[in-house]
Amino acid sequence: MRSAANQRTEDDRRVARQFGRDFFDGDRRHGYGGFNYHPRFWQPVVPTLREHFSLGAGASLLDVGCGKGFMLHDLVKLIPGIAVKGIDVSTYAIEHAIEDMKPHLRIADARDLPFPDKSFDVVIAINTIHNLPRDDCGRSLREIERVARRGAFVTVDAYRTEEERERMLAWNLTAQTIMHVEEWKAFFAEHGYSGDYYWFIP
């Protein structure tokens, strides 16, 4: 069990959910404590994405909740010819994005993706949609489904046991929708989400 000193407070969550400087580059209790690029974070993941979704030159991918664009940077580096876009609700993240990705990123909301139907081969949302209240989380899933042509992948905060639930609720900083893995599966089906998914369990 985590000590009281490591518990998140409601004030910590309030600050973090503004997704501004404090969340990305401020004190660790409010978020990342410095959100900087390092190839070891995403480069090992790219080959798995490439193989699973058959990504190559001419493929297109949207990152919902792209932050500073670090994963998109590595995708472009390791999959030459792929077309990428990223959206994030954070003005701070987009303004402080990695330089080569800035032309491909924009401020936008996961509940109302500013793209036509079936705009991208693949849409991903890593630890993003659970930051919305439950109804809005469902709306974002429907939006992801709408703009994806071939596939999608989301990761969400979840738990399998009461112990994991207690640990998640104590640790969580930004998520507003946290469910048991089986509840998430039913939620995906309810909102017509047909893509892939994975759990984040601390």
Protein backbone atom coordinates (compact mmCIF):
# COMPACT_ATOMS: atom_id res chain seq x y z
CA MET A 1 0.00 0.00 0.00
CA ARG A 2 1.30 3.47 -0.85
CA SER A 3 2.15 5.82 2.00
CA ALA A 4 -0.02 8.83 2.73
CA ALA A 5 2.73 11.05 1.30
CA ASN A 6 2.26 9.41 -2.10
CA GLN A 7 -1.54 9.65 -2.17
CA ARG A 8 -3.02 12.03 -4.73
CA THR A 9 -5.08 14.84 -3.26
CA GLU A 10 -8.14 16.42 -4.84
CA ASP A 11 -6.12 19.61 -5.27
CA ASP A 12 -3.43 17.63 -7.14
CA ARG A 13 -6.15 16.26 -9.43
CA ARG A 14 -7.69 19.68 -9.97
CA VAL A 15 -4.36 21.10 -11.10
CA ALA A 16 -3.49 18.08 -13.25
CA ARG A 17 -6.83 18.09 -15.08
CA GLN A 18 -6.09 21.52 -16.48
CA PHE A 19 -3.44 19.76 -18.63
CA GLY A 20 -1.23 22.85 -18.61
CA ARG A 21 2.37 23.50 -17.65
CA ASP A 22 1.87 22.09 -14.15
CA PHE A 23 0.75 18.74 -15.57
CA PHE A 24 3.48 18.33 -18.16
CA ASP A 25 6.47 20.21 -16.77
CA GLY A 26 5.65 21.17 -13.21
CA ASP A 27 5.93 19.38 -9.88
CA ARG A 28 5.74 15.58 -10.00
CA ARG A 29 2.67 15.52 -7.76
CA HIS A 30 0.69 17.26 -10.52
CA GLY A 31 1.78 15.08 -13.44
CA TYR A 32 4.89 14.05 -15.32
CA GLY A 33 7.33 16.31 -13.51
CA GLY A 34 8.97 17.10 -16.85
CA PHE A 35 7.58 15.64 -20.08
CA ASN A 36 10.58 15.31 -22.36
CA TYR A 37 11.40 13.22 -25.41
CA HIS A 38 13.39 10.01 -25.05
CA PRO A 39 13.56 7.30 -27.74
CA ARG A 40 13.27 4.48 -25.21
CA PHE A 41 9.63 5.34 -24.48
CA TRP A 42 7.98 4.81 -27.86
CA GLN A 43 10.55 3.44 -30.29
CA PRO A 44 10.24 -0.11 -28.85
CA VAL A 45 6.44 0.07 -29.37
CA VAL A 46 6.46 1.20 -32.99
CA PRO A 47 7.41 -2.19 -34.56
CA THR A 48 4.45 -3.83 -32.79
CA LEU A 49 2.05 -1.14 -34.08
CA ARG A 50 3.55 -1.39 -37.55
CA GLU A 51 3.09 -5.16 -37.69
CA HIS A 52 -0.32 -5.32 -36.04
CA PHE A 53 -1.89 -2.65 -38.25
CA SER A 54 0.25 -3.27 -41.38
CA LEU A 55 1.50 0.30 -41.32
CA GLY A 56 3.81 1.44 -44.08
CA ALA A 57 4.35 4.21 -46.58
CA GLY A 58 1.03 5.78 -47.49
CA ALA A 59 -0.76 4.68 -44.31
CA SER A 60 -2.35 7.32 -42.09
CA LEU A 61 -2.65 7.47 -38.30
CA LEU A 62 -4.32 9.82 -35.83
CA ASP A 63 -3.15 10.10 -32.22
CA VAL A 64 -5.97 11.30 -29.93
CA GLY A 65 -4.34 12.88 -26.91
CA CYS A 66 -0.96 13.25 -28.59
CA GLY A 67 0.63 15.46 -25.92
CA LYS A 68 3.86 16.90 -27.32
CA GLY A 69 3.87 14.52 -30.29
CA PHE A 70 6.68 12.24 -29.13
CA MET A 71 5.08 9.00 -30.29
CA LEU A 72 4.20 10.47 -33.68
CA HIS A 73 7.81 11.63 -34.05
CA ASP A 74 9.01 8.06 -33.55
CA LEU A 75 6.37 6.63 -35.89
CA VAL A 76 7.52 8.93 -38.70
CA LYS A 77 11.15 8.13 -37.96
CA LEU A 78 10.68 4.36 -38.00
CA ILE A 79 7.94 4.07 -40.66
CA PRO A 80 9.06 6.27 -43.58
CA GLY A 81 6.17 7.60 -45.62
CA ILE A 82 3.46 7.29 -42.97
CA ALA A 83 1.12 10.28 -42.65
CA VAL A 84 0.35 11.32 -39.07
CA LYS A 85 -1.90 13.77 -37.27
CA GLY A 86 -2.33 14.43 -33.58
CA ILE A 87 -4.88 16.26 -31.47
CA ASP A 88 -4.80 17.26 -27.85
CA VAL A 89 -7.01 19.36 -25.62
CA SER A 90 -3.91 20.97 -24.09
CA THR A 91 -2.82 24.26 -25.63
CA TYR A 92 0.39 23.99 -23.61
CA ALA A 93 1.27 20.56 -25.04
CA ILE A 94 0.68 21.62 -28.64
CA GLU A 95 2.64 24.85 -28.21
CA HIS A 96 5.55 22.93 -26.66
CA ALA A 97 5.45 19.97 -29.04
CA ILE A 98 8.57 18.43 -30.53
CA GLU A 99 9.49 20.73 -33.39
CA ASP A 100 9.12 18.42 -36.41
CA MET A 101 5.59 17.41 -35.37
CA LYS A 102 4.16 20.90 -34.84
CA PRO A 103 2.75 21.15 -38.41
CA HIS A 104 0.84 17.90 -37.85
CA LEU A 105 -0.74 18.71 -34.47
CA ARG A 106 -3.74 20.77 -33.47
CA ILE A 107 -5.81 21.63 -30.41
CA ALA A 108 -9.04 19.64 -30.49
CA ASP A 109 -11.41 17.63 -28.32
CA ALA A 110 -11.71 13.83 -28.34
CA ARG A 111 -15.48 14.20 -28.07
CA ASP A 112 -15.67 15.98 -31.42
CA LEU A 113 -12.81 14.99 -33.71
CA PRO A 114 -12.41 17.60 -36.47
CA PHE A 115 -12.06 15.09 -39.31
CA PRO A 116 -14.45 13.51 -41.82
CA ASP A 117 -15.64 9.92 -41.49
CA LYS A 118 -13.00 7.26 -42.18
CA SER A 119 -10.20 9.82 -42.43
CA PHE A 120 -7.43 7.59 -41.02
CA ASP A 121 -6.35 4.01 -41.44
CA VAL A 122 -5.67 3.77 -37.71
CA VAL A 123 -6.65 5.86 -34.69
CA ILE A 124 -4.93 5.47 -31.32
CA ALA A 125 -5.70 6.96 -27.91
CA ILE A 126 -3.20 6.10 -25.18
CA ASN A 127 -4.43 6.89 -21.65
CA THR A 128 -6.68 9.62 -23.02
CA ILE A 129 -10.40 8.86 -23.21
CA HIS A 130 -10.64 7.81 -19.55
CA ASN A 131 -9.87 11.43 -18.64
CA LEU A 132 -13.45 12.26 -19.66
CA PRO A 133 -16.64 11.69 -17.64
CA ARG A 134 -18.39 8.44 -18.51
CA ASP A 135 -20.88 9.80 -21.07
CA ASP A 136 -18.19 11.85 -22.80
CA CYS A 137 -15.87 8.85 -22.76
CA GLY A 138 -18.51 6.92 -24.70
CA ARG A 139 -18.87 9.81 -27.13
CA SER A 140 -15.11 9.82 -27.75
CA LEU A 141 -15.19 6.09 -28.50
CA ARG A 142 -17.89 6.68 -31.10
CA GLU A 143 -15.79 9.47 -32.62
CA ILE A 144 -12.74 7.20 -32.81
CA GLU A 145 -14.86 4.54 -34.50
CA ARG A 146 -16.21 7.14 -36.93
CA VAL A 147 -12.88 8.44 -38.22
CA ALA A 148 -11.01 5.09 -38.31
CA ARG A 149 -10.99 3.13 -41.57
CA ARG A 150 -9.14 -0.04 -40.62
CA GLY A 151 -8.52 -0.14 -36.89
CA ALA A 152 -8.10 1.58 -33.57
CA PHE A 153 -6.30 1.07 -30.28
CA VAL A 154 -7.08 2.59 -26.89
CA THR A 155 -5.62 2.12 -23.43
CA VAL A 156 -7.63 2.95 -20.32
CA ASP A 157 -7.28 2.82 -16.54
CA ALA A 158 -8.86 -0.38 -15.24
CA TYR A 159 -8.79 -2.92 -12.45
CA ARG A 160 -9.46 -6.65 -11.97
CA THR A 161 -9.55 -6.95 -8.19
CA GLU A 162 -10.62 -4.81 -5.25
CA GLU A 163 -6.97 -4.34 -4.31
CA GLU A 164 -6.20 -3.02 -7.79
CA ARG A 165 -9.24 -0.74 -7.58
CA GLU A 166 -8.11 0.77 -4.29
CA ARG A 167 -4.58 1.26 -5.63
CA MET A 168 -5.90 2.86 -8.82
CA LEU A 169 -8.19 5.28 -7.00
CA ALA A 170 -5.35 6.33 -4.69
CA TRP A 171 -2.83 6.69 -7.51
CA ASN A 172 -5.03 8.16 -10.24
CA LEU A 173 -4.45 11.79 -11.16
CA THR A 174 -6.50 12.60 -14.27
CA ALA A 175 -8.88 9.73 -15.14
CA GLN A 176 -12.58 10.37 -14.52
CA THR A 177 -13.81 7.02 -15.87
CA ILE A 178 -12.25 3.97 -14.22
CA MET A 179 -13.93 0.58 -14.50
CA HIS A 180 -13.43 -3.13 -14.00
CA VAL A 181 -12.03 -4.74 -17.15
CA GLU A 182 -15.31 -6.58 -17.78
CA GLU A 183 -17.27 -3.34 -17.39
CA TRP A 184 -14.97 -1.70 -19.93
CA LYS A 185 -15.62 -4.53 -22.41
CA ALA A 186 -19.37 -4.03 -22.06
CA PHE A 187 -18.89 -0.27 -22.39
CA PHE A 188 -16.94 -0.70 -25.63
CA ALA A 189 -19.70 -2.89 -27.05
CA GLU A 190 -22.42 -0.48 -25.89
CA HIS A 191 -20.80 2.37 -27.82
CA GLY A 192 -19.99 0.37 -30.93
CA TYR A 193 -16.25 0.44 -30.48
CA SER A 194 -14.74 -2.40 -32.52
CA GLY A 195 -11.04 -1.60 -32.14
CA ASP A 196 -8.34 -3.05 -29.94
CA TYR A 197 -7.79 -2.10 -26.33
CA TYR A 198 -5.44 -2.60 -23.40
CA TRP A 199 -5.53 -1.85 -19.70
CA PHE A 200 -3.35 0.40 -17.61
CA ILE A 201 -3.23 -1.11 -14.11
CA PRO A 202 -0.72 0.41 -11.62
